[in-house]
Amino acid sequence: MNTTIKMLSAVLDSTALRQNVLANNIANVNTPNFKRLDVEFKNALNAALQSDQPGALDNFRPTIIKDK
């Protein structure tokens, strides 16, 4: 699979994960002490794309971040 298809697949998977996380945030808006979550993938994706290591894009994983 070429780099473009791998990149598009990673972006779509990350966007779907972010949509699920945001839906969870909305569902818990009235839950006491609930901490909002978000998905960070832009920096990790850029690093994977610029890496010289083979398979860097295959090992790309977005990060779920919890508000403090």
Protein backbone atom coordinates (compact mmCIF):
# COMPACT_ATOMS: atom_id res chain seq x y z
CA MET A 1 0.00 0.00 0.00
CA ASN A 2 1.45 3.38 -0.90
CA THR A 3 2.06 6.24 1.51
CA THR A 4 -0.91 8.32 0.36
CA ILE A 5 -3.41 5.55 1.01
CA LYS A 6 -1.84 4.78 4.40
CA MET A 7 -1.95 8.47 5.33
CA LEU A 8 -5.60 8.83 4.27
CA SER A 9 -6.51 5.69 6.20
CA ALA A 10 -4.76 7.01 9.33
CA VAL A 11 -6.52 10.38 9.03
CA LEU A 12 -9.94 8.75 8.57
CA ASP A 13 -9.39 6.41 11.53
CA SER A 14 -8.24 9.31 13.70
CA THR A 15 -11.17 11.48 12.66
CA ALA A 16 -13.63 8.68 13.44
CA LEU A 17 -12.03 8.22 16.86
CA ARG A 18 -12.27 11.96 17.52
CA GLN A 19 -15.95 11.95 16.53
CA ASN A 20 -16.63 9.15 19.02
CA VAL A 21 -14.73 10.99 21.77
CA LEU A 22 -16.63 14.22 21.09
CA ALA A 23 -19.96 12.35 21.14
CA ASN A 24 -18.95 10.92 24.51
CA ASN A 25 -18.18 14.44 25.75
CA ILE A 26 -21.64 15.61 24.71
CA ALA A 27 -23.31 12.59 26.30
CA ASN A 28 -21.57 13.35 29.61
CA VAL A 29 -21.95 17.13 29.64
CA ASN A 30 -24.09 16.99 32.81
CA THR A 31 -22.06 14.28 34.57
CA PRO A 32 -20.47 15.67 37.74
CA ASN A 33 -16.64 15.81 37.63
CA PHE A 34 -16.53 14.57 34.04
CA LYS A 35 -13.31 15.57 32.30
CA ARG A 36 -13.52 16.40 28.62
CA LEU A 37 -11.47 14.24 26.24
CA ASP A 38 -9.93 15.09 22.88
CA VAL A 39 -7.83 13.29 20.28
CA GLU A 40 -4.39 14.52 19.24
CA PHE A 41 -3.13 13.12 15.98
CA LYS A 42 -1.76 15.94 13.83
CA ASN A 43 1.72 16.11 15.39
CA ALA A 44 2.10 12.32 15.55
CA LEU A 45 0.95 11.96 11.95
CA ASN A 46 3.40 14.62 10.77
CA ALA A 47 6.23 12.88 12.64
CA ALA A 48 5.31 9.53 11.09
CA LEU A 49 5.19 11.06 7.61
CA GLN A 50 8.59 12.72 8.03
CA SER A 51 10.24 9.64 9.55
CA ASP A 52 12.89 7.78 7.60
CA GLN A 53 11.96 4.51 9.29
CA PRO A 54 10.02 2.02 7.19
CA GLY A 55 6.60 1.28 8.62
CA ALA A 56 6.43 4.49 10.68
CA LEU A 57 2.98 5.20 9.26
CA ASP A 58 1.87 1.65 10.08
CA ASN A 59 2.71 2.25 13.75
CA PHE A 60 0.94 5.63 13.93
CA ARG A 61 -1.58 5.85 16.77
CA PRO A 62 -3.59 8.92 17.82
CA THR A 63 -3.52 9.95 21.49
CA ILE A 64 -6.60 10.53 23.64
CA ILE A 65 -6.03 13.50 25.95
CA LYS A 66 -8.00 14.19 29.14
CA ASP A 67 -8.54 17.77 30.35
CA LYS A 68 -7.03 18.65 33.70
